[in-house]
Amino acid sequence: SQDFLNRGYSWQTRMWIDDMFMITAVQSQAYRATNDKKYIERAAK
């Protein structure tokens, strides 16, 4: 978990395909609500 975070990824990374809705949905919504690009850029990475 810490290694993923150190590389700029979520510490919740599991490499399960479900994650690519679970993570991107909340981060994309954060971007839409705040207009802060950090949220959607990290989801994209």
All heavy atoms as atom14 arrays in JSON, in Angstrom:
{
  "sequence": "SQDFLNRGYSWQTRMWIDDMFMITAVQSQAYRATNDKKYIERAAK",
  "atom14_mask": [
    [1, 1, 1, 1, 1, 1, 0, 0, 0, 0, 0, 0, 0, 0],
    [1, 1, 1, 1, 1, 1, 1, 1, 1, 0, 0, 0, 0, 0],
    [1, 1, 1, 1, 1, 1, 1, 1, 0, 0, 0, 0, 0, 0],
    [1, 1, 1, 1, 1, 1, 1, 1, 1, 1, 1, 0, 0, 0],
    [1, 1, 1, 1, 1, 1, 1, 1, 0, 0, 0, 0, 0, 0],
    [1, 1, 1, 1, 1, 1, 1, 1, 0, 0, 0, 0, 0, 0],
    [1, 1, 1, 1, 1, 1, 1, 1, 1, 1, 1, 0, 0, 0],
    [1, 1, 1, 1, 0, 0, 0, 0, 0, 0, 0, 0, 0, 0],
    [1, 1, 1, 1, 1, 1, 1, 1, 1, 1, 1, 1, 0, 0],
    [1, 1, 1, 1, 1, 1, 0, 0, 0, 0, 0, 0, 0, 0],
    [1, 1, 1, 1, 1, 1, 1, 1, 1, 1, 1, 1, 1, 1],
    [1, 1, 1, 1, 1, 1, 1, 1, 1, 0, 0, 0, 0, 0],
    [1, 1, 1, 1, 1, 1, 1, 0, 0, 0, 0, 0, 0, 0],
    [1, 1, 1, 1, 1, 1, 1, 1, 1, 1, 1, 0, 0, 0],
    [1, 1, 1, 1, 1, 1, 1, 1, 0, 0, 0, 0, 0, 0],
    [1, 1, 1, 1, 1, 1, 1, 1, 1, 1, 1, 1, 1, 1],
    [1, 1, 1, 1, 1, 1, 1, 1, 0, 0, 0, 0, 0, 0],
    [1, 1, 1, 1, 1, 1, 1, 1, 0, 0, 0, 0, 0, 0],
    [1, 1, 1, 1, 1, 1, 1, 1, 0, 0, 0, 0, 0, 0],
    [1, 1, 1, 1, 1, 1, 1, 1, 0, 0, 0, 0, 0, 0],
    [1, 1, 1, 1, 1, 1, 1, 1, 1, 1, 1, 0, 0, 0],
    [1, 1, 1, 1, 1, 1, 1, 1, 0, 0, 0, 0, 0, 0],
    [1, 1, 1, 1, 1, 1, 1, 1, 0, 0, 0, 0, 0, 0],
    [1, 1, 1, 1, 1, 1, 1, 0, 0, 0, 0, 0, 0, 0],
    [1, 1, 1, 1, 1, 0, 0, 0, 0, 0, 0, 0, 0, 0],
    [1, 1, 1, 1, 1, 1, 1, 0, 0, 0, 0, 0, 0, 0],
    [1, 1, 1, 1, 1, 1, 1, 1, 1, 0, 0, 0, 0, 0],
    [1, 1, 1, 1, 1, 1, 0, 0, 0, 0, 0, 0, 0, 0],
    [1, 1, 1, 1, 1, 1, 1, 1, 1, 0, 0, 0, 0, 0],
    [1, 1, 1, 1, 1, 0, 0, 0, 0, 0, 0, 0, 0, 0],
    [1, 1, 1, 1, 1, 1, 1, 1, 1, 1, 1, 1, 0, 0],
    [1, 1, 1, 1, 1, 1, 1, 1, 1, 1, 1, 0, 0, 0],
    [1, 1, 1, 1, 1, 0, 0, 0, 0, 0, 0, 0, 0, 0],
    [1, 1, 1, 1, 1, 1, 1, 0, 0, 0, 0, 0, 0, 0],
    [1, 1, 1, 1, 1, 1, 1, 1, 0, 0, 0, 0, 0, 0],
    [1, 1, 1, 1, 1, 1, 1, 1, 0, 0, 0, 0, 0, 0],
    [1, 1, 1, 1, 1, 1, 1, 1, 1, 0, 0, 0, 0, 0],
    [1, 1, 1, 1, 1, 1, 1, 1, 1, 0, 0, 0, 0, 0],
    [1, 1, 1, 1, 1, 1, 1, 1, 1, 1, 1, 1, 0, 0],
    [1, 1, 1, 1, 1, 1, 1, 1, 0, 0, 0, 0, 0, 0],
    [1, 1, 1, 1, 1, 1, 1, 1, 1, 0, 0, 0, 0, 0],
    [1, 1, 1, 1, 1, 1, 1, 1, 1, 1, 1, 0, 0, 0],
    [1, 1, 1, 1, 1, 0, 0, 0, 0, 0, 0, 0, 0, 0],
    [1, 1, 1, 1, 1, 0, 0, 0, 0, 0, 0, 0, 0, 0],
    [1, 1, 1, 1, 1, 1, 1, 1, 1, 0, 0, 0, 0, 0]
  ],
  "atom14_positions": [
    [[0.82, -1.22, 0.0], [0.0, 0.0, 0.0], [0.84, 1.26, 0.0], [0.61, 2.21, -0.75], [-0.96, 0.0, 1.19], [-1.85, -1.08, 1.13], [0.0, 0.0, 0.0], [0.0, 0.0, 0.0], [0.0, 0.0, 0.0], [0.0, 0.0, 0.0], [0.0, 0.0, 0.0], [0.0, 0.0, 0.0], [0.0, 0.0, 0.0], [0.0, 0.0, 0.0]],
    [[1.85, 1.3, 0.86], [2.71, 2.48, 0.95], [3.53, 2.67, -0.32], [3.76, 3.8, -0.76], [3.65, 2.37, 2.16], [4.45, 3.64, 2.45], [3.57, 4.82, 2.83], [2.73, 4.72, 3.73], [3.75, 5.96, 2.15], [0.0, 0.0, 0.0], [0.0, 0.0, 0.0], [0.0, 0.0, 0.0], [0.0, 0.0, 0.0], [0.0, 0.0, 0.0]],
    [[3.94, 1.57, -0.92], [4.71, 1.66, -2.16], [3.88, 2.29, -3.27], [4.37, 3.14, -4.02], [5.19, 0.28, -2.58], [5.97, 0.32, -3.9], [7.01, 1.0, -3.95], [5.53, -0.32, -4.87], [0.0, 0.0, 0.0], [0.0, 0.0, 0.0], [0.0, 0.0, 0.0], [0.0, 0.0, 0.0], [0.0, 0.0, 0.0], [0.0, 0.0, 0.0]],
    [[2.62, 1.87, -3.38], [1.74, 2.49, -4.38], [1.63, 3.99, -4.13], [1.72, 4.79, -5.06], [0.35, 1.84, -4.35], [0.25, 0.56, -5.12], [-0.16, -0.62, -4.5], [0.54, 0.52, -6.48], [-0.26, -1.81, -5.22], [0.44, -0.66, -7.21], [0.03, -1.84, -6.57], [0.0, 0.0, 0.0], [0.0, 0.0, 0.0], [0.0, 0.0, 0.0]],
    [[1.44, 4.38, -2.86], [1.3, 5.79, -2.53], [2.58, 6.55, -2.86], [2.53, 7.67, -3.41], [0.95, 5.95, -1.05], [0.64, 7.38, -0.59], [-0.63, 7.9, -1.26], [0.49, 7.43, 0.93], [0.0, 0.0, 0.0], [0.0, 0.0, 0.0], [0.0, 0.0, 0.0], [0.0, 0.0, 0.0], [0.0, 0.0, 0.0], [0.0, 0.0, 0.0]],
    [[3.73, 5.97, -2.55], [5.01, 6.62, -2.83], [5.21, 6.87, -4.32], [5.92, 7.8, -4.72], [6.16, 5.76, -2.3], [6.2, 5.69, -0.78], [5.58, 6.5, -0.1], [6.92, 4.7, -0.24], [0.0, 0.0, 0.0], [0.0, 0.0, 0.0], [0.0, 0.0, 0.0], [0.0, 0.0, 0.0], [0.0, 0.0, 0.0], [0.0, 0.0, 0.0]],
    [[4.58, 6.05, -5.17], [4.7, 6.19, -6.62], [3.6, 7.06, -7.22], [3.5, 7.19, -8.43], [4.69, 4.79, -7.26], [5.92, 3.95, -6.92], [5.68, 2.46, -7.12], [5.18, 2.16, -8.48], [4.53, 1.05, -8.8], [4.27, 0.14, -7.87], [4.14, 0.85, -10.03], [0.0, 0.0, 0.0], [0.0, 0.0, 0.0], [0.0, 0.0, 0.0]],
    [[2.79, 7.66, -6.36], [1.76, 8.58, -6.84], [0.41, 7.95, -7.09], [-0.5, 8.59, -7.64], [0.0, 0.0, 0.0], [0.0, 0.0, 0.0], [0.0, 0.0, 0.0], [0.0, 0.0, 0.0], [0.0, 0.0, 0.0], [0.0, 0.0, 0.0], [0.0, 0.0, 0.0], [0.0, 0.0, 0.0], [0.0, 0.0, 0.0], [0.0, 0.0, 0.0]],
    [[0.25, 6.69, -6.67], [-1.02, 6.0, -6.83], [-1.76, 5.96, -5.5], [-1.21, 6.24, -4.45], [-0.8, 4.57, -7.36], [-0.07, 4.53, -8.67], [1.26, 4.08, -8.74], [-0.68, 4.95, -9.84], [1.94, 4.04, -9.95], [0.01, 4.93, -11.06], [1.31, 4.48, -11.1], [1.98, 4.46, -12.29], [0.0, 0.0, 0.0], [0.0, 0.0, 0.0]],
    [[-3.04, 5.57, -5.57], [-3.8, 5.42, -4.33], [-3.26, 4.25, -3.52], [-2.93, 3.2, -4.07], [-5.28, 5.17, -4.66], [-5.99, 4.8, -3.49], [0.0, 0.0, 0.0], [0.0, 0.0, 0.0], [0.0, 0.0, 0.0], [0.0, 0.0, 0.0], [0.0, 0.0, 0.0], [0.0, 0.0, 0.0], [0.0, 0.0, 0.0], [0.0, 0.0, 0.0]],
    [[-3.21, 4.43, -2.21], [-2.81, 3.31, -1.35], [-3.86, 2.21, -1.36], [-3.6, 1.08, -0.96], [-2.55, 3.79, 0.07], [-3.77, 4.28, 0.81], [-4.24, 5.56, 0.85], [-4.65, 3.5, 1.64], [-5.37, 5.64, 1.64], [-5.64, 4.39, 2.14], [-4.71, 2.16, 2.0], [-6.67, 3.96, 2.98], [-5.75, 1.72, 2.84], [-6.71, 2.62, 3.32]],
    [[-5.06, 2.53, -1.86], [-6.14, 1.54, -1.94], [-6.06, 0.69, -3.22], [-6.94, -0.13, -3.47], [-7.49, 2.23, -1.84], [-7.71, 2.92, -0.49], [-9.05, 3.62, -0.36], [-9.92, 3.49, -1.21], [-9.22, 4.38, 0.71], [0.0, 0.0, 0.0], [0.0, 0.0, 0.0], [0.0, 0.0, 0.0], [0.0, 0.0, 0.0], [0.0, 0.0, 0.0]],
    [[-5.02, 0.9, -4.01], [-4.82, 0.13, -5.24], [-4.75, -1.37, -4.92], [-4.02, -1.79, -4.02], [-3.52, 0.57, -5.92], [-3.61, 1.96, -6.24], [-3.26, -0.24, -7.19], [0.0, 0.0, 0.0], [0.0, 0.0, 0.0], [0.0, 0.0, 0.0], [0.0, 0.0, 0.0], [0.0, 0.0, 0.0], [0.0, 0.0, 0.0], [0.0, 0.0, 0.0]],
    [[-5.53, -2.17, -5.69], [-5.52, -3.63, -5.51], [-5.23, -4.37, -6.81], [-5.06, -5.58, -6.81], [-6.88, -4.14, -5.02], [-7.51, -3.44, -3.87], [-8.87, -4.06, -3.56], [-9.84, -3.82, -4.64], [-11.07, -4.34, -4.66], [-11.45, -5.16, -3.69], [-11.9, -4.06, -5.64], [0.0, 0.0, 0.0], [0.0, 0.0, 0.0], [0.0, 0.0, 0.0]],
    [[-5.31, -3.65, -7.92], [-5.19, -4.26, -9.24], [-6.35, -5.22, -9.52], [-6.2, -6.22, -10.19], [-3.84, -4.96, -9.44], [-2.64, -4.06, -9.24], [-2.7, -2.47, -10.13], [-2.61, -3.02, -11.82], [0.0, 0.0, 0.0], [0.0, 0.0, 0.0], [0.0, 0.0, 0.0], [0.0, 0.0, 0.0], [0.0, 0.0, 0.0], [0.0, 0.0, 0.0]],
    [[-7.51, -4.89, -8.96], [-8.76, -5.56, -9.32], [-9.47, -4.65, -10.31], [-9.53, -3.43, -10.11], [-9.65, -5.76, -8.1], [-9.2, -6.8, -7.12], [-7.92, -7.18, -6.85], [-10.06, -7.59, -6.28], [-7.91, -8.15, -5.88], [-9.22, -8.43, -5.51], [-11.44, -7.66, -6.09], [-9.72, -9.33, -4.58], [-11.93, -8.56, -5.16], [-11.08, -9.39, -4.43]],
    [[-10.06, -5.22, -11.36], [-10.66, -4.38, -12.39], [-11.85, -3.57, -11.88], [-12.13, -2.49, -12.41], [-11.05, -5.19, -13.64], [-11.84, -6.45, -13.27], [-9.81, -5.56, -14.44], [-12.23, -7.3, -14.47], [0.0, 0.0, 0.0], [0.0, 0.0, 0.0], [0.0, 0.0, 0.0], [0.0, 0.0, 0.0], [0.0, 0.0, 0.0], [0.0, 0.0, 0.0]],
    [[-12.51, -4.0, -10.81], [-13.61, -3.23, -10.22], [-13.15, -1.82, -9.83], [-13.93, -0.86, -9.88], [-14.13, -3.9, -8.95], [-14.4, -5.38, -9.08], [-13.57, -6.08, -9.71], [-15.41, -5.85, -8.55], [0.0, 0.0, 0.0], [0.0, 0.0, 0.0], [0.0, 0.0, 0.0], [0.0, 0.0, 0.0], [0.0, 0.0, 0.0], [0.0, 0.0, 0.0]],
    [[-11.88, -1.73, -9.42], [-11.35, -0.48, -8.89], [-11.47, 0.68, -9.86], [-11.55, 1.85, -9.46], [-9.87, -0.63, -8.53], [-9.62, -1.71, -7.5], [-10.6, -2.28, -6.98], [-8.44, -2.01, -7.23], [0.0, 0.0, 0.0], [0.0, 0.0, 0.0], [0.0, 0.0, 0.0], [0.0, 0.0, 0.0], [0.0, 0.0, 0.0], [0.0, 0.0, 0.0]],
    [[-11.46, 0.36, -11.15], [-11.43, 1.44, -12.13], [-12.77, 2.09, -12.36], [-12.87, 3.06, -13.12], [-10.83, 0.96, -13.45], [-9.3, 0.83, -13.37], [-8.45, 2.4, -12.97], [-8.37, 2.31, -11.17], [0.0, 0.0, 0.0], [0.0, 0.0, 0.0], [0.0, 0.0, 0.0], [0.0, 0.0, 0.0], [0.0, 0.0, 0.0], [0.0, 0.0, 0.0]],
    [[-13.8, 1.63, -11.68], [-14.98, 2.47, -11.49], [-14.95, 3.07, -10.09], [-15.2, 4.26, -9.94], [-16.28, 1.69, -11.68], [-17.5, 2.58, -11.55], [-17.96, 3.3, -12.64], [-18.14, 2.74, -10.33], [-19.04, 4.15, -12.52], [-19.23, 3.59, -10.2], [-19.68, 4.29, -11.3], [0.0, 0.0, 0.0], [0.0, 0.0, 0.0], [0.0, 0.0, 0.0]],
    [[-14.66, 2.28, -9.09], [-14.72, 2.73, -7.7], [-13.81, 3.94, -7.44], [-14.19, 4.89, -6.77], [-14.35, 1.59, -6.75], [-15.15, 0.33, -6.93], [-16.94, 0.57, -6.79], [-17.53, -0.99, -7.43], [0.0, 0.0, 0.0], [0.0, 0.0, 0.0], [0.0, 0.0, 0.0], [0.0, 0.0, 0.0], [0.0, 0.0, 0.0], [0.0, 0.0, 0.0]],
    [[-12.59, 3.88, -7.99], [-11.66, 4.99, -7.78], [-11.99, 6.17, -8.7], [-12.07, 7.31, -8.24], [-10.2, 4.52, -7.99], [-9.79, 3.55, -6.88], [-9.24, 5.71, -8.02], [-8.41, 2.93, -7.04], [0.0, 0.0, 0.0], [0.0, 0.0, 0.0], [0.0, 0.0, 0.0], [0.0, 0.0, 0.0], [0.0, 0.0, 0.0], [0.0, 0.0, 0.0]],
    [[-12.19, 5.89, -9.97], [-12.38, 7.0, -10.91], [-13.7, 7.73, -10.68], [-13.78, 8.94, -10.92], [-12.3, 6.53, -12.37], [-13.3, 5.54, -12.61], [-10.95, 5.94, -12.69], [0.0, 0.0, 0.0], [0.0, 0.0, 0.0], [0.0, 0.0, 0.0], [0.0, 0.0, 0.0], [0.0, 0.0, 0.0], [0.0, 0.0, 0.0], [0.0, 0.0, 0.0]],
    [[-14.73, 7.03, -10.2], [-16.01, 7.7, -9.99], [-15.9, 8.8, -8.93], [-16.33, 9.94, -9.15], [-17.08, 6.69, -9.58], [0.0, 0.0, 0.0], [0.0, 0.0, 0.0], [0.0, 0.0, 0.0], [0.0, 0.0, 0.0], [0.0, 0.0, 0.0], [0.0, 0.0, 0.0], [0.0, 0.0, 0.0], [0.0, 0.0, 0.0], [0.0, 0.0, 0.0]],
    [[-15.3, 8.46, -7.79], [-15.23, 9.47, -6.72], [-14.24, 10.57, -7.06], [-14.48, 11.76, -6.78], [-14.91, 8.81, -5.36], [-13.51, 8.24, -5.32], [-15.11, 9.8, -4.23], [0.0, 0.0, 0.0], [0.0, 0.0, 0.0], [0.0, 0.0, 0.0], [0.0, 0.0, 0.0], [0.0, 0.0, 0.0], [0.0, 0.0, 0.0], [0.0, 0.0, 0.0]],
    [[-13.12, 10.23, -7.71], [-12.14, 11.26, -8.05], [-12.65, 12.17, -9.16], [-12.39, 13.38, -9.15], [-10.8, 10.61, -8.43], [-10.14, 9.81, -7.31], [-9.79, 10.64, -6.09], [-9.44, 11.82, -6.2], [-9.9, 10.05, -4.91], [0.0, 0.0, 0.0], [0.0, 0.0, 0.0], [0.0, 0.0, 0.0], [0.0, 0.0, 0.0], [0.0, 0.0, 0.0]],
    [[-13.35, 11.62, -10.13], [-13.94, 12.45, -11.19], [-14.99, 13.38, -10.6], [-15.09, 14.55, -10.98], [-14.58, 11.57, -12.27], [-13.6, 10.79, -12.93], [0.0, 0.0, 0.0], [0.0, 0.0, 0.0], [0.0, 0.0, 0.0], [0.0, 0.0, 0.0], [0.0, 0.0, 0.0], [0.0, 0.0, 0.0], [0.0, 0.0, 0.0], [0.0, 0.0, 0.0]],
    [[-15.78, 12.87, -9.67], [-16.79, 13.7, -9.01], [-16.14, 14.82, -8.19], [-16.64, 15.95, -8.15], [-17.68, 12.83, -8.11], [-18.73, 12.03, -8.85], [-19.87, 12.89, -9.33], [-19.84, 13.44, -10.45], [-20.9, 13.05, -8.52], [0.0, 0.0, 0.0], [0.0, 0.0, 0.0], [0.0, 0.0, 0.0], [0.0, 0.0, 0.0], [0.0, 0.0, 0.0]],
    [[-15.02, 14.49, -7.56], [-14.31, 15.52, -6.8], [-13.86, 16.65, -7.71], [-13.95, 17.84, -7.37], [-13.11, 14.89, -6.08], [0.0, 0.0, 0.0], [0.0, 0.0, 0.0], [0.0, 0.0, 0.0], [0.0, 0.0, 0.0], [0.0, 0.0, 0.0], [0.0, 0.0, 0.0], [0.0, 0.0, 0.0], [0.0, 0.0, 0.0], [0.0, 0.0, 0.0]],
    [[-13.37, 16.29, -8.88], [-12.95, 17.3, -9.87], [-14.14, 18.13, -10.33], [-14.06, 19.37, -10.41], [-12.28, 16.62, -11.06], [-12.04, 17.54, -12.24], [-11.16, 18.61, -12.14], [-12.72, 17.34, -13.44], [-10.94, 19.46, -13.22], [-12.51, 18.18, -14.52], [-11.63, 19.23, -14.41], [-11.42, 20.08, -15.48], [0.0, 0.0, 0.0], [0.0, 0.0, 0.0]],
    [[-15.25, 17.48, -10.63], [-16.43, 18.22, -11.09], [-16.95, 19.17, -10.03], [-17.43, 20.26, -10.33], [-17.54, 17.22, -11.48], [-17.22, 16.38, -12.71], [-18.17, 15.2, -12.85], [-17.7, 14.26, -13.88], [-17.83, 12.95, -13.83], [-18.43, 12.39, -12.78], [-17.37, 12.19, -14.81], [0.0, 0.0, 0.0], [0.0, 0.0, 0.0], [0.0, 0.0, 0.0]],
    [[-16.84, 18.76, -8.77], [-17.37, 19.58, -7.68], [-16.45, 20.72, -7.29], [-16.91, 21.79, -6.86], [-17.66, 18.7, -6.46], [0.0, 0.0, 0.0], [0.0, 0.0, 0.0], [0.0, 0.0, 0.0], [0.0, 0.0, 0.0], [0.0, 0.0, 0.0], [0.0, 0.0, 0.0], [0.0, 0.0, 0.0], [0.0, 0.0, 0.0], [0.0, 0.0, 0.0]],
    [[-15.12, 20.52, -7.42], [-14.16, 21.51, -6.93], [-13.4, 22.23, -8.04], [-12.79, 23.26, -7.8], [-13.12, 20.83, -6.02], [-12.33, 19.93, -6.82], [-13.79, 20.07, -4.89], [0.0, 0.0, 0.0], [0.0, 0.0, 0.0], [0.0, 0.0, 0.0], [0.0, 0.0, 0.0], [0.0, 0.0, 0.0], [0.0, 0.0, 0.0], [0.0, 0.0, 0.0]],
    [[-13.38, 21.63, -9.24], [-12.58, 22.14, -10.36], [-11.09, 22.07, -10.08], [-10.29, 22.74, -10.74], [-12.98, 23.58, -10.74], [-12.65, 23.91, -12.18], [-12.74, 23.04, -13.05], [-12.26, 25.14, -12.44], [0.0, 0.0, 0.0], [0.0, 0.0, 0.0], [0.0, 0.0, 0.0], [0.0, 0.0, 0.0], [0.0, 0.0, 0.0], [0.0, 0.0, 0.0]],
    [[-10.7, 21.23, -9.13], [-9.29, 21.02, -8.8], [-8.78, 19.84, -9.62], [-9.18, 18.7, -9.41], [-9.15, 20.75, -7.31], [-7.69, 20.71, -6.86], [-6.81, 20.46, -7.71], [-7.44, 20.9, -5.65], [0.0, 0.0, 0.0], [0.0, 0.0, 0.0], [0.0, 0.0, 0.0], [0.0, 0.0, 0.0], [0.0, 0.0, 0.0], [0.0, 0.0, 0.0]],
    [[-7.86, 20.12, -10.54], [-7.39, 19.09, -11.47], [-6.66, 17.94, -10.79], [-6.52, 16.87, -11.38], [-6.48, 19.72, -12.53], [-7.21, 20.49, -13.62], [-6.24, 20.9, -14.72], [-6.96, 21.6, -15.87], [-6.01, 21.97, -16.95], [0.0, 0.0, 0.0], [0.0, 0.0, 0.0], [0.0, 0.0, 0.0], [0.0, 0.0, 0.0], [0.0, 0.0, 0.0]],
    [[-6.18, 18.15, -9.58], [-5.4, 17.09, -8.94], [-6.22, 15.81, -8.83], [-5.68, 14.7, -8.94], [-4.91, 17.52, -7.57], [-5.97, 17.5, -6.47], [-5.39, 17.87, -5.11], [-6.48, 17.81, -4.02], [-5.97, 18.26, -2.71], [0.0, 0.0, 0.0], [0.0, 0.0, 0.0], [0.0, 0.0, 0.0], [0.0, 0.0, 0.0], [0.0, 0.0, 0.0]],
    [[-7.53, 15.96, -8.62], [-8.36, 14.78, -8.41], [-8.45, 13.92, -9.68], [-8.21, 12.72, -9.66], [-9.76, 15.19, -7.96], [-9.8, 15.79, -6.58], [-10.08, 17.14, -6.39], [-9.56, 15.02, -5.45], [-10.12, 17.7, -5.12], [-9.59, 15.57, -4.17], [-9.88, 16.92, -4.02], [-9.91, 17.47, -2.76], [0.0, 0.0, 0.0], [0.0, 0.0, 0.0]],
    [[-8.78, 14.54, -10.77], [-8.98, 13.75, -11.98], [-7.65, 13.31, -12.6], [-7.56, 12.26, -13.23], [-9.86, 14.51, -13.0], [-10.48, 13.49, -13.98], [-9.09, 15.62, -13.71], [-11.71, 13.97, -14.67], [0.0, 0.0, 0.0], [0.0, 0.0, 0.0], [0.0, 0.0, 0.0], [0.0, 0.0, 0.0], [0.0, 0.0, 0.0], [0.0, 0.0, 0.0]],
    [[-6.59, 14.1, -12.39], [-5.29, 13.71, -12.91], [-4.75, 12.47, -12.2], [-4.16, 11.59, -12.83], [-4.3, 14.87, -12.79], [-4.5, 15.94, -13.84], [-4.14, 15.48, -15.25], [-3.04, 14.94, -15.44], [-4.99, 15.62, -16.15], [0.0, 0.0, 0.0], [0.0, 0.0, 0.0], [0.0, 0.0, 0.0], [0.0, 0.0, 0.0], [0.0, 0.0, 0.0]],
    [[-4.95, 12.4, -10.89], [-4.46, 11.22, -10.2], [-5.31, 9.99, -10.53], [-4.78, 8.88, -10.6], [-4.36, 11.47, -8.7], [-5.65, 11.73, -7.95], [-5.3, 12.27, -6.56], [-6.45, 12.38, -5.69], [-6.4, 12.98, -4.49], [-5.26, 13.5, -4.05], [-7.47, 13.05, -3.74], [0.0, 0.0, 0.0], [0.0, 0.0, 0.0], [0.0, 0.0, 0.0]],
    [[-6.61, 10.2, -10.77], [-7.45, 9.08, -11.22], [-7.0, 8.6, -12.59], [-6.98, 7.4, -12.88], [-8.91, 9.5, -11.26], [0.0, 0.0, 0.0], [0.0, 0.0, 0.0], [0.0, 0.0, 0.0], [0.0, 0.0, 0.0], [0.0, 0.0, 0.0], [0.0, 0.0, 0.0], [0.0, 0.0, 0.0], [0.0, 0.0, 0.0], [0.0, 0.0, 0.0]],
    [[-6.63, 9.54, -13.45], [-6.18, 9.18, -14.8], [-4.86, 8.42, -14.75], [-4.65, 7.45, -15.49], [-6.03, 10.44, -15.65], [0.0, 0.0, 0.0], [0.0, 0.0, 0.0], [0.0, 0.0, 0.0], [0.0, 0.0, 0.0], [0.0, 0.0, 0.0], [0.0, 0.0, 0.0], [0.0, 0.0, 0.0], [0.0, 0.0, 0.0], [0.0, 0.0, 0.0]],
    [[-3.96, 8.86, -13.88], [-2.69, 8.15, -13.73], [-2.95, 6.73, -13.25], [-2.32, 5.76, -13.73], [-1.79, 8.88, -12.72], [-0.44, 8.2, -12.5], [0.45, 8.99, -11.55], [1.78, 8.27, -11.34], [2.7, 9.05, -10.47], [0.0, 0.0, 0.0], [0.0, 0.0, 0.0], [0.0, 0.0, 0.0], [0.0, 0.0, 0.0], [0.0, 0.0, 0.0]]
  ]
}
